[in-house]
């Protein structure tokens, strides 16, 4: 778990820097949501992995494991993809309004 924790910490810190560089408060808010979603989705995987370690066995354990991984994947991919689209749309709107041009 130590390497995993290091990766999650590095993601959280690295994405904090990206959040601070956004061109608008709305983009920064969306980037922050993406940051927290990334950390949350990464943290679900160890808990799902431990399903078979808490006394569950057989088909029920496999079902809970598959449902857990599926939910984690939806968070990590589909929801994150929508957030990336929203961030890109916000940045495009800022760029089109001319606020990114130097004075």
PDB file of N, CA and C in Angstrom:
ATOM      1  N   UNK A   1       0.815  -1.207   0.000  1.00  0.00           N
ATOM      2  CA  UNK A   1       0.000   0.000   0.000  1.00  0.00           C
ATOM      3  C   UNK A   1       0.858   1.270   0.000  1.00  0.00           C
ATOM      4  N   UNK A   2       2.098   1.174   0.431  1.00  0.00           N
ATOM      5  CA  UNK A   2       2.945   2.374   0.472  1.00  0.00           C
ATOM      6  C   UNK A   2       3.143   2.966  -0.927  1.00  0.00           C
ATOM      7  N   UNK A   3       3.497   2.156  -1.936  1.00  0.00           N
ATOM      8  CA  UNK A   3       3.614   2.746  -3.280  1.00  0.00           C
ATOM      9  C   UNK A   3       2.286   3.330  -3.784  1.00  0.00           C
ATOM     10  N   UNK A   4       1.196   2.655  -3.490  1.00  0.00           N
ATOM     11  CA  UNK A   4      -0.113   3.147  -3.902  1.00  0.00           C
ATOM     12  C   UNK A   4      -0.397   4.502  -3.255  1.00  0.00           C
ATOM     13  N   UNK A   5      -0.143   4.602  -1.956  1.00  0.00           N
ATOM     14  CA  UNK A   5      -0.372   5.867  -1.246  1.00  0.00           C
ATOM     15  C   UNK A   5       0.501   6.978  -1.817  1.00  0.00           C
ATOM     16  N   UNK A   6       1.727   6.652  -2.178  1.00  0.00           N
ATOM     17  CA  UNK A   6       2.619   7.642  -2.778  1.00  0.00           C
ATOM     18  C   UNK A   6       2.059   8.142  -4.110  1.00  0.00           C
ATOM     19  N   UNK A   7       1.552   7.225  -4.936  1.00  0.00           N
ATOM     20  CA  UNK A   7       0.982   7.615  -6.227  1.00  0.00           C
ATOM     21  C   UNK A   7      -0.238   8.517  -6.019  1.00  0.00           C
ATOM     22  N   UNK A   8      -1.118   8.152  -5.109  1.00  0.00           N
ATOM     23  CA  UNK A   8      -2.318   8.965  -4.857  1.00  0.00           C
ATOM     24  C   UNK A   8      -1.920  10.340  -4.314  1.00  0.00           C
ATOM     25  N   UNK A   9      -0.964  10.388  -3.412  1.00  0.00           N
ATOM     26  CA  UNK A   9      -0.485  11.669  -2.875  1.00  0.00           C
ATOM     27  C   UNK A   9       0.112  12.523  -3.991  1.00  0.00           C
ATOM     28  N   UNK A  10       0.924  11.909  -4.842  1.00  0.00           N
ATOM     29  CA  UNK A  10       1.544  12.630  -5.949  1.00  0.00           C
ATOM     30  C   UNK A  10       0.485  13.176  -6.904  1.00  0.00           C
ATOM     31  N   UNK A  11      -0.550  12.382  -7.175  1.00  0.00           N
ATOM     32  CA  UNK A  11      -1.662  12.861  -8.001  1.00  0.00           C
ATOM     33  C   UNK A  11      -2.336  14.075  -7.365  1.00  0.00           C
ATOM     34  N   UNK A  12      -2.618  13.985  -6.085  1.00  0.00           N
ATOM     35  CA  UNK A  12      -3.310  15.075  -5.398  1.00  0.00           C
ATOM     36  C   UNK A  12      -2.480  16.346  -5.424  1.00  0.00           C
ATOM     37  N   UNK A  13      -1.196  16.236  -5.163  1.00  0.00           N
ATOM     38  CA  UNK A  13      -0.320  17.409  -5.145  1.00  0.00           C
ATOM     39  C   UNK A  13      -0.116  17.954  -6.562  1.00  0.00           C
ATOM     40  N   UNK A  14       0.128  17.065  -7.512  1.00  0.00           N
ATOM     41  CA  UNK A  14       0.342  17.498  -8.890  1.00  0.00           C
ATOM     42  C   UNK A  14      -0.883  18.160  -9.487  1.00  0.00           C
ATOM     43  N   UNK A  15      -2.044  17.632  -9.186  1.00  0.00           N
ATOM     44  CA  UNK A  15      -3.269  18.227  -9.706  1.00  0.00           C
ATOM     45  C   UNK A  15      -3.619  19.529  -8.993  1.00  0.00           C
ATOM     46  N   UNK A  16      -3.116  19.720  -7.779  1.00  0.00           N
ATOM     47  CA  UNK A  16      -3.333  20.993  -7.081  1.00  0.00           C
ATOM     48  C   UNK A  16      -2.636  22.118  -7.836  1.00  0.00           C
ATOM     49  N   UNK A  17      -1.453  21.841  -8.348  1.00  0.00           N
ATOM     50  CA  UNK A  17      -0.716  22.835  -9.128  1.00  0.00           C
ATOM     51  C   UNK A  17      -1.472  23.184 -10.410  1.00  0.00           C
ATOM     52  N   UNK A  18      -2.027  22.175 -11.064  1.00  0.00           N
ATOM     53  CA  UNK A  18      -2.803  22.406 -12.283  1.00  0.00           C
ATOM     54  C   UNK A  18      -4.058  23.224 -11.986  1.00  0.00           C
ATOM     55  N   UNK A  19      -4.661  23.004 -10.843  1.00  0.00           N
ATOM     56  CA  UNK A  19      -5.861  23.743 -10.458  1.00  0.00           C
ATOM     57  C   UNK A  19      -5.561  25.227 -10.316  1.00  0.00           C
ATOM     58  N   UNK A  20      -4.409  25.547  -9.751  1.00  0.00           N
ATOM     59  CA  UNK A  20      -4.067  26.949  -9.516  1.00  0.00           C
ATOM     60  C   UNK A  20      -3.737  27.698 -10.802  1.00  0.00           C
ATOM     61  N   UNK A  21      -3.503  27.001 -11.907  1.00  0.00           N
ATOM     62  CA  UNK A  21      -3.129  27.639 -13.171  1.00  0.00           C
ATOM     63  C   UNK A  21      -4.303  27.837 -14.123  1.00  0.00           C
ATOM     64  N   UNK A  22      -5.516  27.610 -13.666  1.00  0.00           N
ATOM     65  CA  UNK A  22      -6.678  27.716 -14.549  1.00  0.00           C
ATOM     66  C   UNK A  22      -6.999  29.182 -14.836  1.00  0.00           C
ATOM     67  N   UNK A  23      -7.530  29.471 -16.041  1.00  0.00           N
ATOM     68  CA  UNK A  23      -7.753  30.856 -16.447  1.00  0.00           C
ATOM     69  C   UNK A  23      -8.987  31.529 -15.842  1.00  0.00           C
ATOM     70  N   UNK A  24      -9.861  30.756 -15.218  1.00  0.00           N
ATOM     71  CA  UNK A  24     -11.063  31.361 -14.634  1.00  0.00           C
ATOM     72  C   UNK A  24     -11.443  30.601 -13.370  1.00  0.00           C
ATOM     73  N   UNK A  25     -12.203  31.246 -12.497  1.00  0.00           N
ATOM     74  CA  UNK A  25     -12.656  30.550 -11.290  1.00  0.00           C
ATOM     75  C   UNK A  25     -13.501  29.315 -11.596  1.00  0.00           C
ATOM     76  N   UNK A  26     -14.312  29.373 -12.655  1.00  0.00           N
ATOM     77  CA  UNK A  26     -15.139  28.216 -13.011  1.00  0.00           C
ATOM     78  C   UNK A  26     -14.259  27.051 -13.453  1.00  0.00           C
ATOM     79  N   UNK A  27     -13.243  27.338 -14.253  1.00  0.00           N
ATOM     80  CA  UNK A  27     -12.325  26.283 -14.693  1.00  0.00           C
ATOM     81  C   UNK A  27     -11.553  25.731 -13.498  1.00  0.00           C
ATOM     82  N   UNK A  28     -11.160  26.601 -12.578  1.00  0.00           N
ATOM     83  CA  UNK A  28     -10.444  26.151 -11.388  1.00  0.00           C
ATOM     84  C   UNK A  28     -11.333  25.254 -10.533  1.00  0.00           C
ATOM     85  N   UNK A  29     -12.605  25.606 -10.422  1.00  0.00           N
ATOM     86  CA  UNK A  29     -13.545  24.791  -9.650  1.00  0.00           C
ATOM     87  C   UNK A  29     -13.722  23.411 -10.287  1.00  0.00           C
ATOM     88  N   UNK A  30     -13.854  23.390 -11.616  1.00  0.00           N
ATOM     89  CA  UNK A  30     -13.991  22.111 -12.317  1.00  0.00           C
ATOM     90  C   UNK A  30     -12.715  21.277 -12.195  1.00  0.00           C
ATOM     91  N   UNK A  31     -11.561  21.918 -12.296  1.00  0.00           N
ATOM     92  CA  UNK A  31     -10.291  21.198 -12.149  1.00  0.00           C
ATOM     93  C   UNK A  31     -10.151  20.647 -10.733  1.00  0.00           C
ATOM     94  N   UNK A  32     -10.621  21.405  -9.761  1.00  0.00           N
ATOM     95  CA  UNK A  32     -10.584  20.929  -8.378  1.00  0.00           C
ATOM     96  C   UNK A  32     -11.498  19.714  -8.203  1.00  0.00           C
ATOM     97  N   UNK A  33     -12.666  19.757  -8.819  1.00  0.00           N
ATOM     98  CA  UNK A  33     -13.577  18.609  -8.757  1.00  0.00           C
ATOM     99  C   UNK A  33     -12.933  17.388  -9.418  1.00  0.00           C
ATOM    100  N   UNK A  34     -12.244  17.604 -10.530  1.00  0.00           N
ATOM    101  CA  UNK A  34     -11.546  16.504 -11.201  1.00  0.00           C
ATOM    102  C   UNK A  34     -10.440  15.945 -10.312  1.00  0.00           C
ATOM    103  N   UNK A  35      -9.777  16.832  -9.595  1.00  0.00           N
ATOM    104  CA  UNK A  35      -8.715  16.404  -8.663  1.00  0.00           C
ATOM    105  C   UNK A  35      -9.288  15.487  -7.585  1.00  0.00           C
ATOM    106  N   UNK A  36     -10.358  15.917  -6.959  1.00  0.00           N
ATOM    107  CA  UNK A  36     -10.949  15.115  -5.890  1.00  0.00           C
ATOM    108  C   UNK A  36     -11.547  13.815  -6.429  1.00  0.00           C
ATOM    109  N   UNK A  37     -12.134  13.883  -7.607  1.00  0.00           N
ATOM    110  CA  UNK A  37     -12.684  12.676  -8.219  1.00  0.00           C
ATOM    111  C   UNK A  37     -11.581  11.669  -8.526  1.00  0.00           C
ATOM    112  N   UNK A  38     -10.446  12.158  -9.000  1.00  0.00           N
ATOM    113  CA  UNK A  38      -9.321  11.273  -9.288  1.00  0.00           C
ATOM    114  C   UNK A  38      -8.854  10.566  -8.026  1.00  0.00           C
ATOM    115  N   UNK A  39      -8.663  11.320  -6.969  1.00  0.00           N
ATOM    116  CA  UNK A  39      -8.213  10.727  -5.706  1.00  0.00           C
ATOM    117  C   UNK A  39      -9.266   9.755  -5.174  1.00  0.00           C
ATOM    118  N   UNK A  40     -10.535  10.152  -5.209  1.00  0.00           N
ATOM    119  CA  UNK A  40     -11.609   9.276  -4.727  1.00  0.00           C
ATOM    120  C   UNK A  40     -11.676   7.984  -5.530  1.00  0.00           C
ATOM    121  N   UNK A  41     -11.623   8.099  -6.847  1.00  0.00           N
ATOM    122  CA  UNK A  41     -11.733   6.893  -7.667  1.00  0.00           C
ATOM    123  C   UNK A  41     -10.532   5.974  -7.465  1.00  0.00           C
ATOM    124  N   UNK A  42      -9.353   6.540  -7.318  1.00  0.00           N
ATOM    125  CA  UNK A  42      -8.174   5.701  -7.065  1.00  0.00           C
ATOM    126  C   UNK A  42      -8.275   5.012  -5.712  1.00  0.00           C
ATOM    127  N   UNK A  43      -8.864   5.672  -4.734  1.00  0.00           N
ATOM    128  CA  UNK A  43      -8.957   5.083  -3.388  1.00  0.00           C
ATOM    129  C   UNK A  43     -10.024   3.988  -3.291  1.00  0.00           C
ATOM    130  N   UNK A  44     -10.910   3.898  -4.241  1.00  0.00           N
ATOM    131  CA  UNK A  44     -11.914   2.832  -4.190  1.00  0.00           C
ATOM    132  C   UNK A  44     -11.314   1.468  -4.522  1.00  0.00           C
ATOM    133  N   UNK A  45     -10.290   1.434  -5.356  1.00  0.00           N
ATOM    134  CA  UNK A  45      -9.734   0.162  -5.802  1.00  0.00           C
ATOM    135  C   UNK A  45      -9.204  -0.722  -4.668  1.00  0.00           C
ATOM    136  N   UNK A  46      -8.447  -0.203  -3.697  1.00  0.00           N
ATOM    137  CA  UNK A  46      -7.979  -1.091  -2.617  1.00  0.00           C
ATOM    138  C   UNK A  46      -9.122  -1.682  -1.799  1.00  0.00           C
ATOM    139  N   UNK A  47     -10.183  -0.894  -1.592  1.00  0.00           N
ATOM    140  CA  UNK A  47     -11.304  -1.398  -0.805  1.00  0.00           C
ATOM    141  C   UNK A  47     -12.037  -2.513  -1.548  1.00  0.00           C
ATOM    142  N   UNK A  48     -12.182  -2.346  -2.844  1.00  0.00           N
ATOM    143  CA  UNK A  48     -12.819  -3.398  -3.639  1.00  0.00           C
ATOM    144  C   UNK A  48     -11.933  -4.641  -3.640  1.00  0.00           C
ATOM    145  N   UNK A  49     -10.645  -4.439  -3.739  1.00  0.00           N
ATOM    146  CA  UNK A  49      -9.702  -5.566  -3.734  1.00  0.00           C
ATOM    147  C   UNK A  49      -9.812  -6.369  -2.436  1.00  0.00           C
ATOM    148  N   UNK A  50     -10.104  -5.689  -1.326  1.00  0.00           N
ATOM    149  CA  UNK A  50     -10.164  -6.353  -0.023  1.00  0.00           C
ATOM    150  C   UNK A  50     -11.491  -7.064   0.244  1.00  0.00           C
ATOM    151  N   UNK A  51     -12.435  -7.011  -0.687  1.00  0.00           N
ATOM    152  CA  UNK A  51     -13.748  -7.647  -0.480  1.00  0.00           C
ATOM    153  C   UNK A  51     -13.587  -9.111  -0.085  1.00  0.00           C
ATOM    154  N   UNK A  52     -12.711  -9.817  -0.746  1.00  0.00           N
ATOM    155  CA  UNK A  52     -12.537 -11.246  -0.456  1.00  0.00           C
ATOM    156  C   UNK A  52     -11.753 -11.487   0.825  1.00  0.00           C
ATOM    157  N   UNK A  53     -11.213 -10.428   1.406  1.00  0.00           N
ATOM    158  CA  UNK A  53     -10.445 -10.576   2.651  1.00  0.00           C
ATOM    159  C   UNK A  53     -11.295 -10.373   3.894  1.00  0.00           C
ATOM    160  N   UNK A  54     -12.546  -9.983   3.731  1.00  0.00           N
ATOM    161  CA  UNK A  54     -13.388  -9.697   4.892  1.00  0.00           C
ATOM    162  C   UNK A  54     -14.402 -10.793   5.173  1.00  0.00           C
ATOM    163  N   UNK A  55     -14.154 -11.977   4.657  1.00  0.00           N
ATOM    164  CA  UNK A  55     -15.020 -13.106   4.964  1.00  0.00           C
ATOM    165  C   UNK A  55     -15.980 -13.498   3.860  1.00  0.00           C
ATOM    166  N   UNK A  56     -16.086 -12.703   2.837  1.00  0.00           N
ATOM    167  CA  UNK A  56     -16.948 -13.079   1.722  1.00  0.00           C
ATOM    168  C   UNK A  56     -16.201 -14.069   0.829  1.00  0.00           C
ATOM    169  N   UNK A  57     -16.930 -14.993   0.261  1.00  0.00           N
ATOM    170  CA  UNK A  57     -16.305 -15.985  -0.615  1.00  0.00           C
ATOM    171  C   UNK A  57     -17.299 -16.410  -1.689  1.00  0.00           C
ATOM    172  N   UNK A  58     -16.791 -17.067  -2.676  1.00  0.00           N
ATOM    173  CA  UNK A  58     -17.633 -17.630  -3.724  1.00  0.00           C
ATOM    174  C   UNK A  58     -18.227 -16.594  -4.650  1.00  0.00           C
ATOM    175  N   UNK A  59     -19.389 -16.939  -5.205  1.00  0.00           N
ATOM    176  CA  UNK A  59     -20.012 -16.050  -6.192  1.00  0.00           C
ATOM    177  C   UNK A  59     -20.408 -14.677  -5.629  1.00  0.00           C
ATOM    178  N   UNK A  60     -20.814 -14.620  -4.371  1.00  0.00           N
ATOM    179  CA  UNK A  60     -21.200 -13.332  -3.783  1.00  0.00           C
ATOM    180  C   UNK A  60     -20.013 -12.383  -3.733  1.00  0.00           C
ATOM    181  N   UNK A  61     -18.848 -12.893  -3.323  1.00  0.00           N
ATOM    182  CA  UNK A  61     -17.653 -12.057  -3.260  1.00  0.00           C
ATOM    183  C   UNK A  61     -17.259 -11.573  -4.644  1.00  0.00           C
ATOM    184  N   UNK A  62     -17.345 -12.463  -5.621  1.00  0.00           N
ATOM    185  CA  UNK A  62     -17.003 -12.085  -6.990  1.00  0.00           C
ATOM    186  C   UNK A  62     -17.971 -11.022  -7.513  1.00  0.00           C
ATOM    187  N   UNK A  63     -19.259 -11.174  -7.180  1.00  0.00           N
ATOM    188  CA  UNK A  63     -20.248 -10.191  -7.615  1.00  0.00           C
ATOM    189  C   UNK A  63     -19.953  -8.817  -7.010  1.00  0.00           C
ATOM    190  N   UNK A  64     -19.709  -8.772  -5.691  1.00  0.00           N
ATOM    191  CA  UNK A  64     -19.410  -7.492  -5.040  1.00  0.00           C
ATOM    192  C   UNK A  64     -18.139  -6.880  -5.615  1.00  0.00           C
ATOM    193  N   UNK A  65     -17.166  -7.717  -5.883  1.00  0.00           N
ATOM    194  CA  UNK A  65     -15.906  -7.239  -6.455  1.00  0.00           C
ATOM    195  C   UNK A  65     -16.149  -6.631  -7.841  1.00  0.00           C
ATOM    196  N   UNK A  66     -16.897  -7.310  -8.675  1.00  0.00           N
ATOM    197  CA  UNK A  66     -17.168  -6.812 -10.029  1.00  0.00           C
ATOM    198  C   UNK A  66     -18.009  -5.539 -10.011  1.00  0.00           C
ATOM    199  N   UNK A  67     -18.997  -5.479  -9.132  1.00  0.00           N
ATOM    200  CA  UNK A  67     -19.819  -4.270  -9.007  1.00  0.00           C
ATOM    201  C   UNK A  67     -18.949  -3.112  -8.515  1.00  0.00           C
ATOM    202  N   UNK A  68     -18.104  -3.368  -7.540  1.00  0.00           N
ATOM    203  CA  UNK A  68     -17.204  -2.327  -7.025  1.00  0.00           C
ATOM    204  C   UNK A  68     -16.255  -1.806  -8.084  1.00  0.00           C
ATOM    205  N   UNK A  69     -15.636  -2.708  -8.842  1.00  0.00           N
ATOM    206  CA  UNK A  69     -14.729  -2.278  -9.906  1.00  0.00           C
ATOM    207  C   UNK A  69     -15.481  -1.530 -11.004  1.00  0.00           C
ATOM    208  N   UNK A  70     -16.698  -1.967 -11.295  1.00  0.00           N
ATOM    209  CA  UNK A  70     -17.494  -1.281 -12.323  1.00  0.00           C
ATOM    210  C   UNK A  70     -17.833   0.139 -11.883  1.00  0.00           C
ATOM    211  N   UNK A  71     -18.250   0.311 -10.631  1.00  0.00           N
ATOM    212  CA  UNK A  71     -18.548   1.657 -10.125  1.00  0.00           C
ATOM    213  C   UNK A  71     -17.295   2.526 -10.114  1.00  0.00           C
ATOM    214  N   UNK A  72     -16.171   1.966  -9.694  1.00  0.00           N
ATOM    215  CA  UNK A  72     -14.916   2.711  -9.690  1.00  0.00           C
ATOM    216  C   UNK A  72     -14.526   3.117 -11.106  1.00  0.00           C
ATOM    217  N   UNK A  73     -14.722   2.229 -12.067  1.00  0.00           N
ATOM    218  CA  UNK A  73     -14.387   2.544 -13.452  1.00  0.00           C
ATOM    219  C   UNK A  73     -15.297   3.623 -14.028  1.00  0.00           C
ATOM    220  N   UNK A  74     -16.575   3.598 -13.674  1.00  0.00           N
ATOM    221  CA  UNK A  74     -17.478   4.650 -14.145  1.00  0.00           C
ATOM    222  C   UNK A  74     -17.032   5.991 -13.584  1.00  0.00           C
ATOM    223  N   UNK A  75     -16.690   6.019 -12.300  1.00  0.00           N
ATOM    224  CA  UNK A  75     -16.174   7.256 -11.700  1.00  0.00           C
ATOM    225  C   UNK A  75     -14.894   7.707 -12.389  1.00  0.00           C
ATOM    226  N   UNK A  76     -13.970   6.776 -12.559  1.00  0.00           N
ATOM    227  CA  UNK A  76     -12.646   7.112 -13.059  1.00  0.00           C
ATOM    228  C   UNK A  76     -12.634   7.451 -14.539  1.00  0.00           C
ATOM    229  N   UNK A  77     -13.589   6.979 -15.297  1.00  0.00           N
ATOM    230  CA  UNK A  77     -13.536   7.179 -16.744  1.00  0.00           C
ATOM    231  C   UNK A  77     -14.679   8.048 -17.251  1.00  0.00           C
ATOM    232  N   UNK A  78     -15.894   7.624 -17.060  1.00  0.00           N
ATOM    233  CA  UNK A  78     -17.033   8.351 -17.626  1.00  0.00           C
ATOM    234  C   UNK A  78     -17.222   9.724 -16.974  1.00  0.00           C
ATOM    235  N   UNK A  79     -17.292   9.762 -15.659  1.00  0.00           N
ATOM    236  CA  UNK A  79     -17.507  11.035 -14.963  1.00  0.00           C
ATOM    237  C   UNK A  79     -16.305  11.948 -15.165  1.00  0.00           C
ATOM    238  N   UNK A  80     -15.115  11.384 -15.097  1.00  0.00           N
ATOM    239  CA  UNK A  80     -13.912  12.184 -15.308  1.00  0.00           C
ATOM    240  C   UNK A  80     -13.888  12.740 -16.731  1.00  0.00           C
ATOM    241  N   UNK A  81     -14.325  11.950 -17.705  1.00  0.00           N
ATOM    242  CA  UNK A  81     -14.392  12.425 -19.089  1.00  0.00           C
ATOM    243  C   UNK A  81     -15.330  13.609 -19.242  1.00  0.00           C
ATOM    244  N   UNK A  82     -16.467  13.569 -18.559  1.00  0.00           N
ATOM    245  CA  UNK A  82     -17.407  14.691 -18.601  1.00  0.00           C
ATOM    246  C   UNK A  82     -16.773  15.921 -17.962  1.00  0.00           C
ATOM    247  N   UNK A  83     -16.048  15.739 -16.875  1.00  0.00           N
ATOM    248  CA  UNK A  83     -15.366  16.872 -16.245  1.00  0.00           C
ATOM    249  C   UNK A  83     -14.304  17.465 -17.166  1.00  0.00           C
ATOM    250  N   UNK A  84     -13.567  16.629 -17.853  1.00  0.00           N
ATOM    251  CA  UNK A  84     -12.552  17.127 -18.791  1.00  0.00           C
ATOM    252  C   UNK A  84     -13.222  17.932 -19.903  1.00  0.00           C
ATOM    253  N   UNK A  85     -14.351  17.422 -20.408  1.00  0.00           N
ATOM    254  CA  UNK A  85     -15.094  18.154 -21.435  1.00  0.00           C
ATOM    255  C   UNK A  85     -15.538  19.516 -20.896  1.00  0.00           C
ATOM    256  N   UNK A  86     -16.054  19.552 -19.676  1.00  0.00           N
ATOM    257  CA  UNK A  86     -16.521  20.811 -19.084  1.00  0.00           C
ATOM    258  C   UNK A  86     -15.363  21.790 -18.890  1.00  0.00           C
ATOM    259  N   UNK A  87     -14.209  21.291 -18.470  1.00  0.00           N
ATOM    260  CA  UNK A  87     -13.026  22.155 -18.309  1.00  0.00           C
ATOM    261  C   UNK A  87     -12.619  22.719 -19.666  1.00  0.00           C
ATOM    262  N   UNK A  88     -12.583  21.874 -20.683  1.00  0.00           N
ATOM    263  CA  UNK A  88     -12.211  22.333 -22.027  1.00  0.00           C
ATOM    264  C   UNK A  88     -13.206  23.361 -22.550  1.00  0.00           C
ATOM    265  N   UNK A  89     -14.493  23.146 -22.317  1.00  0.00           N
ATOM    266  CA  UNK A  89     -15.516  24.091 -22.765  1.00  0.00           C
ATOM    267  C   UNK A  89     -15.350  25.434 -22.063  1.00  0.00           C
ATOM    268  N   UNK A  90     -15.069  25.413 -20.780  1.00  0.00           N
ATOM    269  CA  UNK A  90     -14.867  26.653 -20.017  1.00  0.00           C
ATOM    270  C   UNK A  90     -13.629  27.393 -20.508  1.00  0.00           C
ATOM    271  N   UNK A  91     -12.547  26.667 -20.729  1.00  0.00           N
ATOM    272  CA  UNK A  91     -11.326  27.308 -21.226  1.00  0.00           C
ATOM    273  C   UNK A  91     -11.540  27.891 -22.621  1.00  0.00           C
ATOM    274  N   UNK A  92     -12.294  27.195 -23.457  1.00  0.00           N
ATOM    275  CA  UNK A  92     -12.595  27.704 -24.796  1.00  0.00           C
ATOM    276  C   UNK A  92     -13.421  28.987 -24.709  1.00  0.00           C
ATOM    277  N   UNK A  93     -14.380  29.007 -23.794  1.00  0.00           N
ATOM    278  CA  UNK A  93     -15.206  30.204 -23.623  1.00  0.00           C
ATOM    279  C   UNK A  93     -14.357  31.385 -23.158  1.00  0.00           C
ATOM    280  N   UNK A  94     -13.435  31.136 -22.251  1.00  0.00           N
ATOM    281  CA  UNK A  94     -12.547  32.199 -21.776  1.00  0.00           C
ATOM    282  C   UNK A  94     -11.667  32.690 -22.920  1.00  0.00           C
ATOM    283  N   UNK A  95     -11.135  31.761 -23.695  1.00  0.00           N
ATOM    284  CA  UNK A  95     -10.272  32.137 -24.812  1.00  0.00           C
ATOM    285  C   UNK A  95     -11.043  32.939 -25.864  1.00  0.00           C
ATOM    286  N   UNK A  96     -12.253  32.503 -26.168  1.00  0.00           N
ATOM    287  CA  UNK A  96     -13.065  33.202 -27.161  1.00  0.00           C
ATOM    288  C   UNK A  96     -13.478  34.596 -26.703  1.00  0.00           C
ATOM    289  N   UNK A  97     -13.601  34.773 -25.400  1.00  0.00           N
ATOM    290  CA  UNK A  97     -13.972  36.099 -24.892  1.00  0.00           C
ATOM    291  C   UNK A  97     -12.793  37.059 -24.895  1.00  0.00           C
ATOM    292  N   UNK A  98     -11.607  36.553 -25.186  1.00  0.00           N
ATOM    293  CA  UNK A  98     -10.419  37.400 -25.283  1.00  0.00           C
ATOM    294  C   UNK A  98      -9.733  37.657 -23.961  1.00  0.00           C
ATOM    295  N   UNK A  99     -10.154  36.985 -22.901  1.00  0.00           N
ATOM    296  CA  UNK A  99      -9.550  37.237 -21.591  1.00  0.00           C
ATOM    297  C   UNK A  99      -8.162  36.622 -21.450  1.00  0.00           C
ATOM    298  N   UNK A 100      -7.777  35.734 -22.364  1.00  0.00           N
ATOM    299  CA  UNK A 100      -6.444  35.124 -22.286  1.00  0.00           C
ATOM    300  C   UNK A 100      -5.408  35.924 -23.066  1.00  0.00           C
ATOM    301  N   UNK A 101      -5.854  36.921 -23.825  1.00  0.00           N
ATOM    302  CA  UNK A 101      -4.926  37.721 -24.613  1.00  0.00           C
ATOM    303  C   UNK A 101      -4.163  38.696 -23.723  1.00  0.00           C
ATOM    304  N   UNK A 102      -2.879  38.925 -24.002  1.00  0.00           N
ATOM    305  CA  UNK A 102      -2.121  39.878 -23.187  1.00  0.00           C
ATOM    306  C   UNK A 102      -2.635  41.306 -23.401  1.00  0.00           C
ATOM    307  N   UNK A 103      -2.493  42.132 -22.365  1.00  0.00           N
ATOM    308  CA  UNK A 103      -2.959  43.526 -22.443  1.00  0.00           C
ATOM    309  C   UNK A 103      -2.016  44.390 -23.218  1.00  0.00           C
TER     310      UNK A 103
END
